[in-house]
């Protein structure tokens, strides 16, 4: 069901989320926290794109 690459995408998303939360709550730097939070949907989009490319290439 899940491939190794899927776990790397999820790991990158979780890492980005935790870094953003750290910047927001601990460092109190809102600009950097929001900038880092913007990476989350971008990483998901790249993951979906590569997954679709792999699925279409198999057929």
PDB file of N, CA and C in Angstrom:
ATOM      1  N   UNK A   1       0.829  -1.182   0.000  1.00  0.00           N
ATOM      2  CA  UNK A   1       0.000   0.000   0.000  1.00  0.00           C
ATOM      3  C   UNK A   1       0.879   1.253   0.000  1.00  0.00           C
ATOM      4  N   UNK A   2       1.647   1.463   1.057  1.00  0.00           N
ATOM      5  CA  UNK A   2       2.537   2.607   1.101  1.00  0.00           C
ATOM      6  C   UNK A   2       3.924   2.174   0.658  1.00  0.00           C
ATOM      7  N   UNK A   3       4.550   3.013  -0.154  1.00  0.00           N
ATOM      8  CA  UNK A   3       5.918   2.756  -0.568  1.00  0.00           C
ATOM      9  C   UNK A   3       6.858   3.574   0.309  1.00  0.00           C
ATOM     10  N   UNK A   4       8.118   3.302   0.152  1.00  0.00           N
ATOM     11  CA  UNK A   4       9.132   4.021   0.920  1.00  0.00           C
ATOM     12  C   UNK A   4       9.077   5.518   0.619  1.00  0.00           C
ATOM     13  N   UNK A   5       8.837   5.874  -0.626  1.00  0.00           N
ATOM     14  CA  UNK A   5       8.780   7.290  -1.001  1.00  0.00           C
ATOM     15  C   UNK A   5       7.601   8.003  -0.344  1.00  0.00           C
ATOM     16  N   UNK A   6       6.494   7.283  -0.138  1.00  0.00           N
ATOM     17  CA  UNK A   6       5.338   7.883   0.533  1.00  0.00           C
ATOM     18  C   UNK A   6       5.680   8.250   1.972  1.00  0.00           C
ATOM     19  N   UNK A   7       6.434   7.397   2.616  1.00  0.00           N
ATOM     20  CA  UNK A   7       6.832   7.690   3.995  1.00  0.00           C
ATOM     21  C   UNK A   7       7.776   8.885   4.061  1.00  0.00           C
ATOM     22  N   UNK A   8       8.624   9.054   3.059  1.00  0.00           N
ATOM     23  CA  UNK A   8       9.512  10.220   3.035  1.00  0.00           C
ATOM     24  C   UNK A   8       8.719  11.516   2.849  1.00  0.00           C
ATOM     25  N   UNK A   9       7.683  11.470   2.022  1.00  0.00           N
ATOM     26  CA  UNK A   9       6.828  12.655   1.835  1.00  0.00           C
ATOM     27  C   UNK A   9       6.127  13.003   3.142  1.00  0.00           C
ATOM     28  N   UNK A  10       5.559  11.998   3.804  1.00  0.00           N
ATOM     29  CA  UNK A  10       4.884  12.244   5.080  1.00  0.00           C
ATOM     30  C   UNK A  10       5.860  12.730   6.145  1.00  0.00           C
ATOM     31  N   UNK A  11       7.061  12.190   6.142  1.00  0.00           N
ATOM     32  CA  UNK A  11       8.080  12.644   7.084  1.00  0.00           C
ATOM     33  C   UNK A  11       8.443  14.105   6.840  1.00  0.00           C
ATOM     34  N   UNK A  12       8.577  14.487   5.585  1.00  0.00           N
ATOM     35  CA  UNK A  12       8.894  15.884   5.253  1.00  0.00           C
ATOM     36  C   UNK A  12       7.768  16.813   5.685  1.00  0.00           C
ATOM     37  N   UNK A  13       6.521  16.381   5.517  1.00  0.00           N
ATOM     38  CA  UNK A  13       5.376  17.200   5.936  1.00  0.00           C
ATOM     39  C   UNK A  13       5.357  17.345   7.452  1.00  0.00           C
ATOM     40  N   UNK A  14       5.555  16.245   8.167  1.00  0.00           N
ATOM     41  CA  UNK A  14       5.561  16.317   9.626  1.00  0.00           C
ATOM     42  C   UNK A  14       6.709  17.181  10.137  1.00  0.00           C
ATOM     43  N   UNK A  15       7.864  17.056   9.522  1.00  0.00           N
ATOM     44  CA  UNK A  15       9.004  17.873   9.923  1.00  0.00           C
ATOM     45  C   UNK A  15       8.717  19.356   9.703  1.00  0.00           C
ATOM     46  N   UNK A  16       8.135  19.683   8.573  1.00  0.00           N
ATOM     47  CA  UNK A  16       7.783  21.068   8.293  1.00  0.00           C
ATOM     48  C   UNK A  16       6.758  21.593   9.300  1.00  0.00           C
ATOM     49  N   UNK A  17       5.793  20.756   9.646  1.00  0.00           N
ATOM     50  CA  UNK A  17       4.776  21.162  10.620  1.00  0.00           C
ATOM     51  C   UNK A  17       5.395  21.435  11.987  1.00  0.00           C
ATOM     52  N   UNK A  18       6.263  20.534  12.429  1.00  0.00           N
ATOM     53  CA  UNK A  18       6.874  20.702  13.752  1.00  0.00           C
ATOM     54  C   UNK A  18       7.821  21.896  13.794  1.00  0.00           C
ATOM     55  N   UNK A  19       8.542  22.128  12.720  1.00  0.00           N
ATOM     56  CA  UNK A  19       9.414  23.305  12.665  1.00  0.00           C
ATOM     57  C   UNK A  19       8.573  24.582  12.696  1.00  0.00           C
ATOM     58  N   UNK A  20       7.475  24.576  11.976  1.00  0.00           N
ATOM     59  CA  UNK A  20       6.591  25.741  11.974  1.00  0.00           C
ATOM     60  C   UNK A  20       5.994  25.992  13.356  1.00  0.00           C
ATOM     61  N   UNK A  21       5.551  24.934  14.019  1.00  0.00           N
ATOM     62  CA  UNK A  21       4.998  25.085  15.369  1.00  0.00           C
ATOM     63  C   UNK A  21       6.069  25.569  16.347  1.00  0.00           C
ATOM     64  N   UNK A  22       7.284  25.053  16.199  1.00  0.00           N
ATOM     65  CA  UNK A  22       8.394  25.492  17.050  1.00  0.00           C
ATOM     66  C   UNK A  22       8.661  26.986  16.853  1.00  0.00           C
ATOM     67  N   UNK A  23       8.699  27.404  15.598  1.00  0.00           N
ATOM     68  CA  UNK A  23       8.950  28.822  15.331  1.00  0.00           C
ATOM     69  C   UNK A  23       7.824  29.698  15.853  1.00  0.00           C
ATOM     70  N   UNK A  24       6.596  29.223  15.778  1.00  0.00           N
ATOM     71  CA  UNK A  24       5.439  30.018  16.194  1.00  0.00           C
ATOM     72  C   UNK A  24       5.342  30.121  17.717  1.00  0.00           C
ATOM     73  N   UNK A  25       5.442  28.965  18.403  1.00  0.00           N
ATOM     74  CA  UNK A  25       5.183  28.949  19.840  1.00  0.00           C
ATOM     75  C   UNK A  25       6.428  29.171  20.694  1.00  0.00           C
ATOM     76  N   UNK A  26       7.564  28.687  20.281  1.00  0.00           N
ATOM     77  CA  UNK A  26       8.765  28.770  21.114  1.00  0.00           C
ATOM     78  C   UNK A  26       9.587  30.010  20.773  1.00  0.00           C
ATOM     79  N   UNK A  27       9.890  30.200  19.493  1.00  0.00           N
ATOM     80  CA  UNK A  27      10.733  31.310  19.066  1.00  0.00           C
ATOM     81  C   UNK A  27       9.931  32.606  18.963  1.00  0.00           C
ATOM     82  N   UNK A  28       8.627  32.495  18.767  1.00  0.00           N
ATOM     83  CA  UNK A  28       7.719  33.650  18.612  1.00  0.00           C
ATOM     84  C   UNK A  28       8.047  34.475  17.370  1.00  0.00           C
ATOM     85  N   UNK A  29       8.417  33.787  16.303  1.00  0.00           N
ATOM     86  CA  UNK A  29       8.711  34.450  15.034  1.00  0.00           C
ATOM     87  C   UNK A  29       7.611  34.067  14.039  1.00  0.00           C
ATOM     88  N   UNK A  30       6.601  34.915  13.942  1.00  0.00           N
ATOM     89  CA  UNK A  30       5.415  34.586  13.153  1.00  0.00           C
ATOM     90  C   UNK A  30       5.713  34.513  11.658  1.00  0.00           C
ATOM     91  N   UNK A  31       6.554  35.401  11.153  1.00  0.00           N
ATOM     92  CA  UNK A  31       6.839  35.413   9.706  1.00  0.00           C
ATOM     93  C   UNK A  31       7.499  34.111   9.254  1.00  0.00           C
ATOM     94  N   UNK A  32       8.516  33.682   9.969  1.00  0.00           N
ATOM     95  CA  UNK A  32       9.197  32.445   9.590  1.00  0.00           C
ATOM     96  C   UNK A  32       8.291  31.231   9.796  1.00  0.00           C
ATOM     97  N   UNK A  33       7.449  31.262  10.816  1.00  0.00           N
ATOM     98  CA  UNK A  33       6.530  30.151  11.071  1.00  0.00           C
ATOM     99  C   UNK A  33       5.516  30.013   9.941  1.00  0.00           C
ATOM    100  N   UNK A  34       4.976  31.132   9.489  1.00  0.00           N
ATOM    101  CA  UNK A  34       4.004  31.091   8.390  1.00  0.00           C
ATOM    102  C   UNK A  34       4.689  30.663   7.095  1.00  0.00           C
ATOM    103  N   UNK A  35       5.884  31.162   6.859  1.00  0.00           N
ATOM    104  CA  UNK A  35       6.619  30.769   5.661  1.00  0.00           C
ATOM    105  C   UNK A  35       6.883  29.269   5.649  1.00  0.00           C
ATOM    106  N   UNK A  36       7.269  28.723   6.797  1.00  0.00           N
ATOM    107  CA  UNK A  36       7.518  27.289   6.883  1.00  0.00           C
ATOM    108  C   UNK A  36       6.226  26.500   6.755  1.00  0.00           C
ATOM    109  N   UNK A  37       5.129  27.011   7.266  1.00  0.00           N
ATOM    110  CA  UNK A  37       3.838  26.321   7.158  1.00  0.00           C
ATOM    111  C   UNK A  37       3.351  26.264   5.707  1.00  0.00           C
ATOM    112  N   UNK A  38       3.762  27.207   4.897  1.00  0.00           N
ATOM    113  CA  UNK A  38       3.372  27.203   3.481  1.00  0.00           C
ATOM    114  C   UNK A  38       3.997  26.023   2.747  1.00  0.00           C
ATOM    115  N   UNK A  39       5.096  25.483   3.259  1.00  0.00           N
ATOM    116  CA  UNK A  39       5.737  24.337   2.613  1.00  0.00           C
ATOM    117  C   UNK A  39       4.861  23.096   2.653  1.00  0.00           C
ATOM    118  N   UNK A  40       4.004  22.958   3.659  1.00  0.00           N
ATOM    119  CA  UNK A  40       3.235  21.733   3.860  1.00  0.00           C
ATOM    120  C   UNK A  40       2.366  21.390   2.645  1.00  0.00           C
ATOM    121  N   UNK A  41       1.516  22.289   2.149  1.00  0.00           N
ATOM    122  CA  UNK A  41       0.741  21.925   0.955  1.00  0.00           C
ATOM    123  C   UNK A  41       1.610  21.747  -0.283  1.00  0.00           C
ATOM    124  N   UNK A  42       2.724  22.469  -0.356  1.00  0.00           N
ATOM    125  CA  UNK A  42       3.623  22.312  -1.501  1.00  0.00           C
ATOM    126  C   UNK A  42       4.241  20.920  -1.524  1.00  0.00           C
ATOM    127  N   UNK A  43       4.663  20.441  -0.368  1.00  0.00           N
ATOM    128  CA  UNK A  43       5.244  19.100  -0.288  1.00  0.00           C
ATOM    129  C   UNK A  43       4.199  18.053  -0.649  1.00  0.00           C
ATOM    130  N   UNK A  44       2.965  18.221  -0.149  1.00  0.00           N
ATOM    131  CA  UNK A  44       1.889  17.295  -0.503  1.00  0.00           C
ATOM    132  C   UNK A  44       1.625  17.298  -2.011  1.00  0.00           C
ATOM    133  N   UNK A  45       1.634  18.478  -2.615  1.00  0.00           N
ATOM    134  CA  UNK A  45       1.386  18.563  -4.068  1.00  0.00           C
ATOM    135  C   UNK A  45       2.484  17.860  -4.859  1.00  0.00           C
ATOM    136  N   UNK A  46       3.731  18.054  -4.473  1.00  0.00           N
ATOM    137  CA  UNK A  46       4.823  17.351  -5.150  1.00  0.00           C
ATOM    138  C   UNK A  46       4.683  15.843  -4.973  1.00  0.00           C
ATOM    139  N   UNK A  47       4.301  15.410  -3.780  1.00  0.00           N
ATOM    140  CA  UNK A  47       4.105  13.989  -3.535  1.00  0.00           C
ATOM    141  C   UNK A  47       2.994  13.401  -4.384  1.00  0.00           C
ATOM    142  N   UNK A  48       1.885  14.117  -4.497  1.00  0.00           N
ATOM    143  CA  UNK A  48       0.771  13.657  -5.329  1.00  0.00           C
ATOM    144  C   UNK A  48       1.184  13.628  -6.789  1.00  0.00           C
ATOM    145  N   UNK A  49       1.896  14.648  -7.230  1.00  0.00           N
ATOM    146  CA  UNK A  49       2.343  14.698  -8.623  1.00  0.00           C
ATOM    147  C   UNK A  49       3.235  13.504  -8.964  1.00  0.00           C
ATOM    148  N   UNK A  50       4.224  13.234  -8.109  1.00  0.00           N
ATOM    149  CA  UNK A  50       5.134  12.122  -8.381  1.00  0.00           C
ATOM    150  C   UNK A  50       4.412  10.780  -8.288  1.00  0.00           C
ATOM    151  N   UNK A  51       3.442  10.678  -7.383  1.00  0.00           N
ATOM    152  CA  UNK A  51       2.675   9.439  -7.265  1.00  0.00           C
ATOM    153  C   UNK A  51       1.844   9.212  -8.527  1.00  0.00           C
ATOM    154  N   UNK A  52       1.214  10.251  -9.045  1.00  0.00           N
ATOM    155  CA  UNK A  52       0.432  10.132 -10.262  1.00  0.00           C
ATOM    156  C   UNK A  52       1.320   9.810 -11.474  1.00  0.00           C
ATOM    157  N   UNK A  53       2.482  10.421 -11.530  1.00  0.00           N
ATOM    158  CA  UNK A  53       3.414  10.114 -12.624  1.00  0.00           C
ATOM    159  C   UNK A  53       3.825   8.647 -12.584  1.00  0.00           C
ATOM    160  N   UNK A  54       4.071   8.140 -11.387  1.00  0.00           N
ATOM    161  CA  UNK A  54       4.463   6.739 -11.249  1.00  0.00           C
ATOM    162  C   UNK A  54       3.317   5.811 -11.636  1.00  0.00           C
ATOM    163  N   UNK A  55       2.103   6.160 -11.248  1.00  0.00           N
ATOM    164  CA  UNK A  55       0.948   5.320 -11.566  1.00  0.00           C
ATOM    165  C   UNK A  55       0.641   5.334 -13.065  1.00  0.00           C
ATOM    166  N   UNK A  56       0.772   6.482 -13.679  1.00  0.00           N
ATOM    167  CA  UNK A  56       0.496   6.566 -15.127  1.00  0.00           C
ATOM    168  C   UNK A  56       1.597   5.908 -15.948  1.00  0.00           C
ATOM    169  N   UNK A  57       2.801   5.889 -15.416  1.00  0.00           N
ATOM    170  CA  UNK A  57       3.914   5.263 -16.122  1.00  0.00           C
ATOM    171  C   UNK A  57       3.838   3.746 -16.114  1.00  0.00           C
ATOM    172  N   UNK A  58       3.142   3.195 -15.117  1.00  0.00           N
ATOM    173  CA  UNK A  58       3.021   1.750 -15.001  1.00  0.00           C
ATOM    174  C   UNK A  58       2.046   1.163 -16.016  1.00  0.00           C
ATOM    175  N   UNK A  59       1.078   1.938 -16.433  1.00  0.00           N
ATOM    176  CA  UNK A  59       0.009   1.400 -17.304  1.00  0.00           C
ATOM    177  C   UNK A  59       0.390   1.400 -18.744  1.00  0.00           C
TER     178      UNK A  59
END
